[in-house]
Amino acid sequence: MNEQKLIKQFAENMKMEFAVKDMSVYKNSDKLFGSTIDSAVIEKYLSLPCTTVYKNTGSKLVTRFTLGKDIYIMALSSDKPETFDGMEAEYVISDIKKLIGKLGD
């Protein structure tokens, strides 16, 4: 399955399983999927040392990962502040790791 299809399927699963309203994926600062993210915000996300949850308005889980020479940024957003709390965040991160494995194949 190609990269776009894998990401789209993953986004649909996140929306069904969790209260994810929106998901954006960037590869080497180019948008692959979802909403547009401001370039200054992309730079901020690129500097993250690990997966981070923001709780300013609603909830946002942001992660970056590398496959080969490509750097990916994934941002999942929800209107519900509790979306990425506790075990739910663990499940989302586990699913992201599975997606990374599929993208790497």
PDB file of N, CA and C in Angstrom:
ATOM      1  N   MET A   1       0.859  -1.173   0.000  1.00  0.00           N
ATOM      2  CA  MET A   1       0.000   0.000   0.000  1.00  0.00           C
ATOM      3  C   MET A   1       0.905   1.235   0.000  1.00  0.00           C
ATOM      4  N   ASN A   2       0.517   2.243  -0.770  1.00  0.00           N
ATOM      5  CA  ASN A   2       1.399   3.405  -0.836  1.00  0.00           C
ATOM      6  C   ASN A   2       1.239   4.322   0.373  1.00  0.00           C
ATOM      7  N   GLU A   3       2.164   5.243   0.487  1.00  0.00           N
ATOM      8  CA  GLU A   3       2.255   6.132   1.646  1.00  0.00           C
ATOM      9  C   GLU A   3       0.962   6.912   1.897  1.00  0.00           C
ATOM     10  N   GLN A   4       0.407   7.508   0.849  1.00  0.00           N
ATOM     11  CA  GLN A   4      -0.819   8.309   0.991  1.00  0.00           C
ATOM     12  C   GLN A   4      -1.979   7.462   1.503  1.00  0.00           C
ATOM     13  N   LYS A   5      -2.138   6.269   0.962  1.00  0.00           N
ATOM     14  CA  LYS A   5      -3.242   5.396   1.384  1.00  0.00           C
ATOM     15  C   LYS A   5      -3.078   4.958   2.834  1.00  0.00           C
ATOM     16  N   LEU A   6      -1.853   4.620   3.220  1.00  0.00           N
ATOM     17  CA  LEU A   6      -1.597   4.217   4.608  1.00  0.00           C
ATOM     18  C   LEU A   6      -1.939   5.346   5.578  1.00  0.00           C
ATOM     19  N   ILE A   7      -1.528   6.554   5.242  1.00  0.00           N
ATOM     20  CA  ILE A   7      -1.779   7.701   6.116  1.00  0.00           C
ATOM     21  C   ILE A   7      -3.266   8.016   6.181  1.00  0.00           C
ATOM     22  N   LYS A   8      -3.941   7.968   5.044  1.00  0.00           N
ATOM     23  CA  LYS A   8      -5.385   8.244   5.022  1.00  0.00           C
ATOM     24  C   LYS A   8      -6.142   7.205   5.851  1.00  0.00           C
ATOM     25  N   GLN A   9      -5.797   5.942   5.701  1.00  0.00           N
ATOM     26  CA  GLN A   9      -6.436   4.877   6.474  1.00  0.00           C
ATOM     27  C   GLN A   9      -6.174   5.067   7.969  1.00  0.00           C
ATOM     28  N   PHE A  10      -4.950   5.441   8.314  1.00  0.00           N
ATOM     29  CA  PHE A  10      -4.603   5.690   9.711  1.00  0.00           C
ATOM     30  C   PHE A  10      -5.446   6.841  10.270  1.00  0.00           C
ATOM     31  N   ALA A  11      -5.582   7.911   9.510  1.00  0.00           N
ATOM     32  CA  ALA A  11      -6.377   9.069   9.952  1.00  0.00           C
ATOM     33  C   ALA A  11      -7.830   8.678  10.184  1.00  0.00           C
ATOM     34  N   GLU A  12      -8.391   7.882   9.287  1.00  0.00           N
ATOM     35  CA  GLU A  12      -9.776   7.426   9.451  1.00  0.00           C
ATOM     36  C   GLU A  12      -9.922   6.585  10.717  1.00  0.00           C
ATOM     37  N   ASN A  13      -8.957   5.717  10.974  1.00  0.00           N
ATOM     38  CA  ASN A  13      -8.990   4.895  12.188  1.00  0.00           C
ATOM     39  C   ASN A  13      -8.906   5.756  13.443  1.00  0.00           C
ATOM     40  N   MET A  14      -8.050   6.773  13.425  1.00  0.00           N
ATOM     41  CA  MET A  14      -7.911   7.663  14.586  1.00  0.00           C
ATOM     42  C   MET A  14      -9.219   8.412  14.858  1.00  0.00           C
ATOM     43  N   LYS A  15      -9.897   8.812  13.795  1.00  0.00           N
ATOM     44  CA  LYS A  15     -11.167   9.532  13.963  1.00  0.00           C
ATOM     45  C   LYS A  15     -12.248   8.621  14.528  1.00  0.00           C
ATOM     46  N   MET A  16     -12.222   7.348  14.142  1.00  0.00           N
ATOM     47  CA  MET A  16     -13.234   6.413  14.638  1.00  0.00           C
ATOM     48  C   MET A  16     -12.932   5.949  16.058  1.00  0.00           C
ATOM     49  N   GLU A  17     -11.679   5.626  16.349  1.00  0.00           N
ATOM     50  CA  GLU A  17     -11.313   5.062  17.649  1.00  0.00           C
ATOM     51  C   GLU A  17     -11.199   6.103  18.753  1.00  0.00           C
ATOM     52  N   PHE A  18     -10.705   7.275  18.405  1.00  0.00           N
ATOM     53  CA  PHE A  18     -10.452   8.319  19.393  1.00  0.00           C
ATOM     54  C   PHE A  18     -11.177   9.582  18.941  1.00  0.00           C
ATOM     55  N   ALA A  19     -11.180  10.590  19.735  1.00  0.00           N
ATOM     56  CA  ALA A  19     -11.884  11.836  19.404  1.00  0.00           C
ATOM     57  C   ALA A  19     -10.990  12.761  18.574  1.00  0.00           C
ATOM     58  N   VAL A  20     -10.286  12.195  17.590  1.00  0.00           N
ATOM     59  CA  VAL A  20      -9.402  12.992  16.744  1.00  0.00           C
ATOM     60  C   VAL A  20     -10.239  13.695  15.682  1.00  0.00           C
ATOM     61  N   LYS A  21     -10.140  15.011  15.673  1.00  0.00           N
ATOM     62  CA  LYS A  21     -10.901  15.831  14.734  1.00  0.00           C
ATOM     63  C   LYS A  21     -10.121  16.058  13.449  1.00  0.00           C
ATOM     64  N   ASP A  22      -8.807  16.227  13.586  1.00  0.00           N
ATOM     65  CA  ASP A  22      -7.984  16.570  12.434  1.00  0.00           C
ATOM     66  C   ASP A  22      -6.598  15.956  12.605  1.00  0.00           C
ATOM     67  N   MET A  23      -5.999  15.593  11.481  1.00  0.00           N
ATOM     68  CA  MET A  23      -4.650  15.051  11.502  1.00  0.00           C
ATOM     69  C   MET A  23      -3.885  15.626  10.325  1.00  0.00           C
ATOM     70  N   SER A  24      -2.686  16.100  10.564  1.00  0.00           N
ATOM     71  CA  SER A  24      -1.820  16.619   9.510  1.00  0.00           C
ATOM     72  C   SER A  24      -0.520  15.839   9.519  1.00  0.00           C
ATOM     73  N   VAL A  25      -0.029  15.537   8.320  1.00  0.00           N
ATOM     74  CA  VAL A  25       1.247  14.833   8.191  1.00  0.00           C
ATOM     75  C   VAL A  25       2.105  15.588   7.181  1.00  0.00           C
ATOM     76  N   TYR A  26       3.330  15.864   7.596  1.00  0.00           N
ATOM     77  CA  TYR A  26       4.304  16.530   6.740  1.00  0.00           C
ATOM     78  C   TYR A  26       5.517  15.634   6.576  1.00  0.00           C
ATOM     79  N   LYS A  27       6.083  15.659   5.373  1.00  0.00           N
ATOM     80  CA  LYS A  27       7.308  14.908   5.076  1.00  0.00           C
ATOM     81  C   LYS A  27       8.319  15.914   4.542  1.00  0.00           C
ATOM     82  N   ASN A  28       9.421  16.079   5.248  1.00  0.00           N
ATOM     83  CA  ASN A  28      10.445  17.053   4.853  1.00  0.00           C
ATOM     84  C   ASN A  28       9.837  18.441   4.642  1.00  0.00           C
ATOM     85  N   SER A  29       8.968  18.838   5.544  1.00  0.00           N
ATOM     86  CA  SER A  29       8.290  20.143   5.549  1.00  0.00           C
ATOM     87  C   SER A  29       7.279  20.328   4.422  1.00  0.00           C
ATOM     88  N   ASP A  30       6.966  19.280   3.679  1.00  0.00           N
ATOM     89  CA  ASP A  30       5.932  19.331   2.639  1.00  0.00           C
ATOM     90  C   ASP A  30       4.704  18.578   3.122  1.00  0.00           C
ATOM     91  N   LYS A  31       3.530  19.181   2.944  1.00  0.00           N
ATOM     92  CA  LYS A  31       2.295  18.560   3.415  1.00  0.00           C
ATOM     93  C   LYS A  31       1.971  17.318   2.597  1.00  0.00           C
ATOM     94  N   LEU A  32       1.741  16.216   3.305  1.00  0.00           N
ATOM     95  CA  LEU A  32       1.296  14.968   2.681  1.00  0.00           C
ATOM     96  C   LEU A  32      -0.198  14.771   2.858  1.00  0.00           C
ATOM     97  N   PHE A  33      -0.709  15.212   4.022  1.00  0.00           N
ATOM     98  CA  PHE A  33      -2.096  14.909   4.363  1.00  0.00           C
ATOM     99  C   PHE A  33      -2.603  15.920   5.387  1.00  0.00           C
ATOM    100  N   GLY A  34      -3.882  16.275   5.276  1.00  0.00           N
ATOM    101  CA  GLY A  34      -4.542  17.066   6.310  1.00  0.00           C
ATOM    102  C   GLY A  34      -4.427  18.559   6.139  1.00  0.00           C
ATOM    103  N   SER A  35      -4.610  19.245   7.249  1.00  0.00           N
ATOM    104  CA  SER A  35      -4.627  20.705   7.269  1.00  0.00           C
ATOM    105  C   SER A  35      -3.224  21.280   7.135  1.00  0.00           C
ATOM    106  N   THR A  36      -3.182  22.513   6.655  1.00  0.00           N
ATOM    107  CA  THR A  36      -1.918  23.223   6.523  1.00  0.00           C
ATOM    108  C   THR A  36      -1.462  23.727   7.889  1.00  0.00           C
ATOM    109  N   ILE A  37      -0.181  23.575   8.151  1.00  0.00           N
ATOM    110  CA  ILE A  37       0.424  24.050   9.393  1.00  0.00           C
ATOM    111  C   ILE A  37       1.394  25.170   9.031  1.00  0.00           C
ATOM    112  N   ASP A  38       1.355  26.251   9.779  1.00  0.00           N
ATOM    113  CA  ASP A  38       2.235  27.395   9.573  1.00  0.00           C
ATOM    114  C   ASP A  38       3.702  26.953   9.622  1.00  0.00           C
ATOM    115  N   SER A  39       4.540  27.539   8.778  1.00  0.00           N
ATOM    116  CA  SER A  39       5.949  27.133   8.703  1.00  0.00           C
ATOM    117  C   SER A  39       6.694  27.342  10.024  1.00  0.00           C
ATOM    118  N   ALA A  40       6.342  28.375  10.780  1.00  0.00           N
ATOM    119  CA  ALA A  40       6.983  28.584  12.088  1.00  0.00           C
ATOM    120  C   ALA A  40       6.622  27.461  13.052  1.00  0.00           C
ATOM    121  N   VAL A  41       5.395  26.980  12.969  1.00  0.00           N
ATOM    122  CA  VAL A  41       4.954  25.876  13.826  1.00  0.00           C
ATOM    123  C   VAL A  41       5.655  24.585  13.410  1.00  0.00           C
ATOM    124  N   ILE A  42       5.825  24.393  12.112  1.00  0.00           N
ATOM    125  CA  ILE A  42       6.550  23.211  11.630  1.00  0.00           C
ATOM    126  C   ILE A  42       7.975  23.218  12.185  1.00  0.00           C
ATOM    127  N   GLU A  43       8.627  24.362  12.153  1.00  0.00           N
ATOM    128  CA  GLU A  43       9.982  24.469  12.709  1.00  0.00           C
ATOM    129  C   GLU A  43       9.993  24.116  14.194  1.00  0.00           C
ATOM    130  N   LYS A  44       8.976  24.574  14.910  1.00  0.00           N
ATOM    131  CA  LYS A  44       8.859  24.251  16.341  1.00  0.00           C
ATOM    132  C   LYS A  44       8.714  22.743  16.527  1.00  0.00           C
ATOM    133  N   TYR A  45       7.849  22.127  15.715  1.00  0.00           N
ATOM    134  CA  TYR A  45       7.633  20.687  15.815  1.00  0.00           C
ATOM    135  C   TYR A  45       8.890  19.899  15.463  1.00  0.00           C
ATOM    136  N   LEU A  46       9.681  20.397  14.509  1.00  0.00           N
ATOM    137  CA  LEU A  46      10.917  19.712  14.131  1.00  0.00           C
ATOM    138  C   LEU A  46      11.931  19.684  15.270  1.00  0.00           C
ATOM    139  N   SER A  47      11.817  20.628  16.183  1.00  0.00           N
ATOM    140  CA  SER A  47      12.769  20.688  17.296  1.00  0.00           C
ATOM    141  C   SER A  47      12.347  19.829  18.488  1.00  0.00           C
ATOM    142  N   LEU A  48      11.177  19.210  18.413  1.00  0.00           N
ATOM    143  CA  LEU A  48      10.709  18.390  19.534  1.00  0.00           C
ATOM    144  C   LEU A  48      11.606  17.166  19.723  1.00  0.00           C
ATOM    145  N   PRO A  49      12.031  16.899  20.963  1.00  0.00           N
ATOM    146  CA  PRO A  49      12.859  15.718  21.205  1.00  0.00           C
ATOM    147  C   PRO A  49      12.041  14.428  21.269  1.00  0.00           C
ATOM    148  N   CYS A  50      10.729  14.545  21.513  1.00  0.00           N
ATOM    149  CA  CYS A  50       9.881  13.359  21.638  1.00  0.00           C
ATOM    150  C   CYS A  50       8.424  13.747  21.367  1.00  0.00           C
ATOM    151  N   THR A  51       7.554  12.764  21.380  1.00  0.00           N
ATOM    152  CA  THR A  51       6.126  13.015  21.207  1.00  0.00           C
ATOM    153  C   THR A  51       5.651  13.943  22.318  1.00  0.00           C
ATOM    154  N   THR A  52       4.861  14.952  21.933  1.00  0.00           N
ATOM    155  CA  THR A  52       4.427  15.980  22.877  1.00  0.00           C
ATOM    156  C   THR A  52       2.924  16.184  22.774  1.00  0.00           C
ATOM    157  N   VAL A  53       2.291  16.420  23.918  1.00  0.00           N
ATOM    158  CA  VAL A  53       0.861  16.724  23.958  1.00  0.00           C
ATOM    159  C   VAL A  53       0.704  18.170  24.404  1.00  0.00           C
ATOM    160  N   TYR A  54      -0.067  18.922  23.616  1.00  0.00           N
ATOM    161  CA  TYR A  54      -0.381  20.314  23.945  1.00  0.00           C
ATOM    162  C   TYR A  54      -1.832  20.383  24.386  1.00  0.00           C
ATOM    163  N   LYS A  55      -2.103  21.174  25.409  1.00  0.00           N
ATOM    164  CA  LYS A  55      -3.457  21.279  25.959  1.00  0.00           C
ATOM    165  C   LYS A  55      -3.983  22.713  25.949  1.00  0.00           C
ATOM    166  N   ASN A  56      -3.457  23.593  25.101  1.00  0.00           N
ATOM    167  CA  ASN A  56      -3.876  24.985  25.137  1.00  0.00           C
ATOM    168  C   ASN A  56      -5.327  25.179  24.697  1.00  0.00           C
ATOM    169  N   THR A  57      -5.707  24.705  23.558  1.00  0.00           N
ATOM    170  CA  THR A  57      -7.106  24.740  23.120  1.00  0.00           C
ATOM    171  C   THR A  57      -7.451  23.333  22.664  1.00  0.00           C
ATOM    172  N   GLY A  58      -8.261  22.653  23.419  1.00  0.00           N
ATOM    173  CA  GLY A  58      -8.529  21.254  23.117  1.00  0.00           C
ATOM    174  C   GLY A  58      -7.312  20.432  23.476  1.00  0.00           C
ATOM    175  N   SER A  59      -6.875  19.608  22.529  1.00  0.00           N
ATOM    176  CA  SER A  59      -5.735  18.743  22.782  1.00  0.00           C
ATOM    177  C   SER A  59      -5.055  18.442  21.453  1.00  0.00           C
ATOM    178  N   LYS A  60      -3.729  18.410  21.460  1.00  0.00           N
ATOM    179  CA  LYS A  60      -2.977  18.105  20.242  1.00  0.00           C
ATOM    180  C   LYS A  60      -1.803  17.218  20.612  1.00  0.00           C
ATOM    181  N   LEU A  61      -1.651  16.123  19.882  1.00  0.00           N
ATOM    182  CA  LEU A  61      -0.514  15.230  20.046  1.00  0.00           C
ATOM    183  C   LEU A  61       0.351  15.395  18.806  1.00  0.00           C
ATOM    184  N   VAL A  62       1.625  15.715  19.009  1.00  0.00           N
ATOM    185  CA  VAL A  62       2.548  15.943  17.898  1.00  0.00           C
ATOM    186  C   VAL A  62       3.745  15.024  18.062  1.00  0.00           C
ATOM    187  N   THR A  63       4.122  14.391  16.963  1.00  0.00           N
ATOM    188  CA  THR A  63       5.311  13.549  16.973  1.00  0.00           C
ATOM    189  C   THR A  63       6.078  13.761  15.682  1.00  0.00           C
ATOM    190  N   ARG A  64       7.357  13.508  15.748  1.00  0.00           N
ATOM    191  CA  ARG A  64       8.173  13.527  14.535  1.00  0.00           C
ATOM    192  C   ARG A  64       8.978  12.237  14.509  1.00  0.00           C
ATOM    193  N   PHE A  65       9.212  11.753  13.313  1.00  0.00           N
ATOM    194  CA  PHE A  65       9.998  10.528  13.173  1.00  0.00           C
ATOM    195  C   PHE A  65      10.747  10.560  11.855  1.00  0.00           C
ATOM    196  N   THR A  66      11.780   9.743  11.774  1.00  0.00           N
ATOM    197  CA  THR A  66      12.632   9.698  10.596  1.00  0.00           C
ATOM    198  C   THR A  66      12.561   8.308   9.979  1.00  0.00           C
ATOM    199  N   LEU A  67      12.399   8.290   8.673  1.00  0.00           N
ATOM    200  CA  LEU A  67      12.474   7.045   7.898  1.00  0.00           C
ATOM    201  C   LEU A  67      13.486   7.281   6.787  1.00  0.00           C
ATOM    202  N   GLY A  68      14.600   6.611   6.861  1.00  0.00           N
ATOM    203  CA  GLY A  68      15.669   6.866   5.895  1.00  0.00           C
ATOM    204  C   GLY A  68      16.159   8.291   6.056  1.00  0.00           C
ATOM    205  N   LYS A  69      16.119   9.052   4.970  1.00  0.00           N
ATOM    206  CA  LYS A  69      16.538  10.455   5.017  1.00  0.00           C
ATOM    207  C   LYS A  69      15.350  11.399   5.178  1.00  0.00           C
ATOM    208  N   ASP A  70      14.153  10.860   5.284  1.00  0.00           N
ATOM    209  CA  ASP A  70      12.940  11.675   5.369  1.00  0.00           C
ATOM    210  C   ASP A  70      12.530  11.916   6.816  1.00  0.00           C
ATOM    211  N   ILE A  71      12.131  13.157   7.100  1.00  0.00           N
ATOM    212  CA  ILE A  71      11.642  13.525   8.429  1.00  0.00           C
ATOM    213  C   ILE A  71      10.145  13.794   8.320  1.00  0.00           C
ATOM    214  N   TYR A  72       9.381  13.105   9.135  1.00  0.00           N
ATOM    215  CA  TYR A  72       7.928  13.247   9.152  1.00  0.00           C
ATOM    216  C   TYR A  72       7.487  13.972  10.422  1.00  0.00           C
ATOM    217  N   ILE A  73       6.436  14.765  10.281  1.00  0.00           N
ATOM    218  CA  ILE A  73       5.764  15.377  11.426  1.00  0.00           C
ATOM    219  C   ILE A  73       4.309  14.956  11.342  1.00  0.00           C
ATOM    220  N   MET A  74       3.765  14.494  12.454  1.00  0.00           N
ATOM    221  CA  MET A  74       2.356  14.124  12.524  1.00  0.00           C
ATOM    222  C   MET A  74       1.725  14.875  13.688  1.00  0.00           C
ATOM    223  N   ALA A  75       0.621  15.574  13.394  1.00  0.00           N
ATOM    224  CA  ALA A  75      -0.096  16.323  14.425  1.00  0.00           C
ATOM    225  C   ALA A  75      -1.554  15.884  14.421  1.00  0.00           C
ATOM    226  N   LEU A  76      -2.012  15.350  15.546  1.00  0.00           N
ATOM    227  CA  LEU A  76      -3.404  14.931  15.709  1.00  0.00           C
ATOM    228  C   LEU A  76      -4.078  15.908  16.659  1.00  0.00           C
ATOM    229  N   SER A  77      -5.256  16.402  16.267  1.00  0.00           N
ATOM    230  CA  SER A  77      -5.961  17.407  17.070  1.00  0.00           C
ATOM    231  C   SER A  77      -7.329  16.912  17.492  1.00  0.00           C
ATOM    232  N   SER A  78      -7.756  17.395  18.656  1.00  0.00           N
ATOM    233  CA  SER A  78      -9.078  17.075  19.188  1.00  0.00           C
ATOM    234  C   SER A  78      -9.627  18.294  19.915  1.00  0.00           C
ATOM    235  N   ASP A  79     -10.946  18.430  19.913  1.00  0.00           N
ATOM    236  CA  ASP A  79     -11.595  19.507  20.666  1.00  0.00           C
ATOM    237  C   ASP A  79     -11.682  19.173  22.146  1.00  0.00           C
ATOM    238  N   LYS A  80     -11.534  17.890  22.472  1.00  0.00           N
ATOM    239  CA  LYS A  80     -11.679  17.447  23.859  1.00  0.00           C
ATOM    240  C   LYS A  80     -10.320  17.449  24.554  1.00  0.00           C
ATOM    241  N   PRO A  81     -10.176  18.192  25.657  1.00  0.00           N
ATOM    242  CA  PRO A  81      -8.878  18.275  26.326  1.00  0.00           C
ATOM    243  C   PRO A  81      -8.369  16.945  26.878  1.00  0.00           C
ATOM    244  N   GLU A  82      -9.254  16.001  27.134  1.00  0.00           N
ATOM    245  CA  GLU A  82      -8.835  14.722  27.714  1.00  0.00           C
ATOM    246  C   GLU A  82      -8.463  13.671  26.671  1.00  0.00           C
ATOM    247  N   THR A  83      -8.536  14.007  25.390  1.00  0.00           N
ATOM    248  CA  THR A  83      -8.322  13.018  24.330  1.00  0.00           C
ATOM    249  C   THR A  83      -6.990  12.294  24.443  1.00  0.00           C
ATOM    250  N   PHE A  84      -5.914  12.989  24.697  1.00  0.00           N
ATOM    251  CA  PHE A  84      -4.596  12.356  24.713  1.00  0.00           C
ATOM    252  C   PHE A  84      -4.048  12.209  26.125  1.00  0.00           C
ATOM    253  N   ASP A  85      -4.930  11.956  27.079  1.00  0.00           N
ATOM    254  CA  ASP A  85      -4.529  11.724  28.466  1.00  0.00           C
ATOM    255  C   ASP A  85      -4.285  10.235  28.705  1.00  0.00           C
ATOM    256  N   GLY A  86      -3.354   9.922  29.573  1.00  0.00           N
ATOM    257  CA  GLY A  86      -3.158   8.573  30.087  1.00  0.00           C
ATOM    258  C   GLY A  86      -3.051   7.476  29.053  1.00  0.00           C
ATOM    259  N   MET A  87      -3.858   6.442  29.259  1.00  0.00           N
ATOM    260  CA  MET A  87      -3.797   5.240  28.427  1.00  0.00           C
ATOM    261  C   MET A  87      -4.171   5.526  26.981  1.00  0.00           C
ATOM    262  N   GLU A  88      -5.064   6.469  26.763  1.00  0.00           N
ATOM    263  CA  GLU A  88      -5.453   6.788  25.389  1.00  0.00           C
ATOM    264  C   GLU A  88      -4.235   7.261  24.593  1.00  0.00           C
ATOM    265  N   ALA A  89      -3.401   8.080  25.198  1.00  0.00           N
ATOM    266  CA  ALA A  89      -2.179   8.534  24.528  1.00  0.00           C
ATOM    267  C   ALA A  89      -1.266   7.347  24.232  1.00  0.00           C
ATOM    268  N   GLU A  90      -1.185   6.412  25.159  1.00  0.00           N
ATOM    269  CA  GLU A  90      -0.364   5.216  24.944  1.00  0.00           C
ATOM    270  C   GLU A  90      -0.862   4.417  23.742  1.00  0.00           C
ATOM    271  N   TYR A  91      -2.182   4.275  23.612  1.00  0.00           N
ATOM    272  CA  TYR A  91      -2.755   3.549  22.478  1.00  0.00           C
ATOM    273  C   TYR A  91      -2.475   4.278  21.167  1.00  0.00           C
ATOM    274  N   VAL A  92      -2.628   5.593  21.163  1.00  0.00           N
ATOM    275  CA  VAL A  92      -2.367   6.377  19.955  1.00  0.00           C
ATOM    276  C   VAL A  92      -0.898   6.242  19.559  1.00  0.00           C
ATOM    277  N   ILE A  93       0.005   6.368  20.511  1.00  0.00           N
ATOM    278  CA  ILE A  93       1.437   6.246  20.227  1.00  0.00           C
ATOM    279  C   ILE A  93       1.769   4.852  19.708  1.00  0.00           C
ATOM    280  N   SER A  94       1.152   3.837  20.267  1.00  0.00           N
ATOM    281  CA  SER A  94       1.349   2.467  19.790  1.00  0.00           C
ATOM    282  C   SER A  94       0.896   2.330  18.337  1.00  0.00           C
ATOM    283  N   ASP A  95      -0.255   2.919  18.014  1.00  0.00           N
ATOM    284  CA  ASP A  95      -0.751   2.880  16.633  1.00  0.00           C
ATOM    285  C   ASP A  95       0.172   3.654  15.691  1.00  0.00           C
ATOM    286  N   ILE A  96       0.715   4.768  16.158  1.00  0.00           N
ATOM    287  CA  ILE A  96       1.661   5.540  15.341  1.00  0.00           C
ATOM    288  C   ILE A  96       2.903   4.696  15.055  1.00  0.00           C
ATOM    289  N   LYS A  97       3.397   3.972  16.040  1.00  0.00           N
ATOM    290  CA  LYS A  97       4.567   3.108  15.845  1.00  0.00           C
ATOM    291  C   LYS A  97       4.282   2.028  14.800  1.00  0.00           C
ATOM    292  N   LYS A  98       3.067   1.485  14.815  1.00  0.00           N
ATOM    293  CA  LYS A  98       2.686   0.486  13.805  1.00  0.00           C
ATOM    294  C   LYS A  98       2.672   1.116  12.417  1.00  0.00           C
ATOM    295  N   LEU A  99       2.141   2.344  12.324  1.00  0.00           N
ATOM    296  CA  LEU A  99       2.124   3.049  11.042  1.00  0.00           C
ATOM    297  C   LEU A  99       3.550   3.289  10.552  1.00  0.00           C
ATOM    298  N   ILE A 100       4.435   3.708  11.436  1.00  0.00           N
ATOM    299  CA  ILE A 100       5.830   3.951  11.058  1.00  0.00           C
ATOM    300  C   ILE A 100       6.448   2.673  10.488  1.00  0.00           C
ATOM    301  N   GLY A 101       6.153   1.540  11.110  1.00  0.00           N
ATOM    302  CA  GLY A 101       6.646   0.265  10.602  1.00  0.00           C
ATOM    303  C   GLY A 101       6.147  -0.026   9.196  1.00  0.00           C
ATOM    304  N   LYS A 102       4.866   0.254   8.953  1.00  0.00           N
ATOM    305  CA  LYS A 102       4.298   0.024   7.619  1.00  0.00           C
ATOM    306  C   LYS A 102       4.886   0.983   6.592  1.00  0.00           C
ATOM    307  N   LEU A 103       5.082   2.237   6.985  1.00  0.00           N
ATOM    308  CA  LEU A 103       5.665   3.215   6.065  1.00  0.00           C
ATOM    309  C   LEU A 103       7.104   2.854   5.724  1.00  0.00           C
ATOM    310  N   GLY A 104       7.798   2.229   6.664  1.00  0.00           N
ATOM    311  CA  GLY A 104       9.195   1.846   6.456  1.00  0.00           C
ATOM    312  C   GLY A 104       9.383   0.625   5.582  1.00  0.00           C
ATOM    313  N   ASP A 105       8.305  -0.129   5.363  1.00  0.00           N
ATOM    314  CA  ASP A 105       8.403  -1.349   4.538  1.00  0.00           C
ATOM    315  C   ASP A 105       8.545  -1.032   3.063  1.00  0.00           C
TER     316      ASP A 105
END
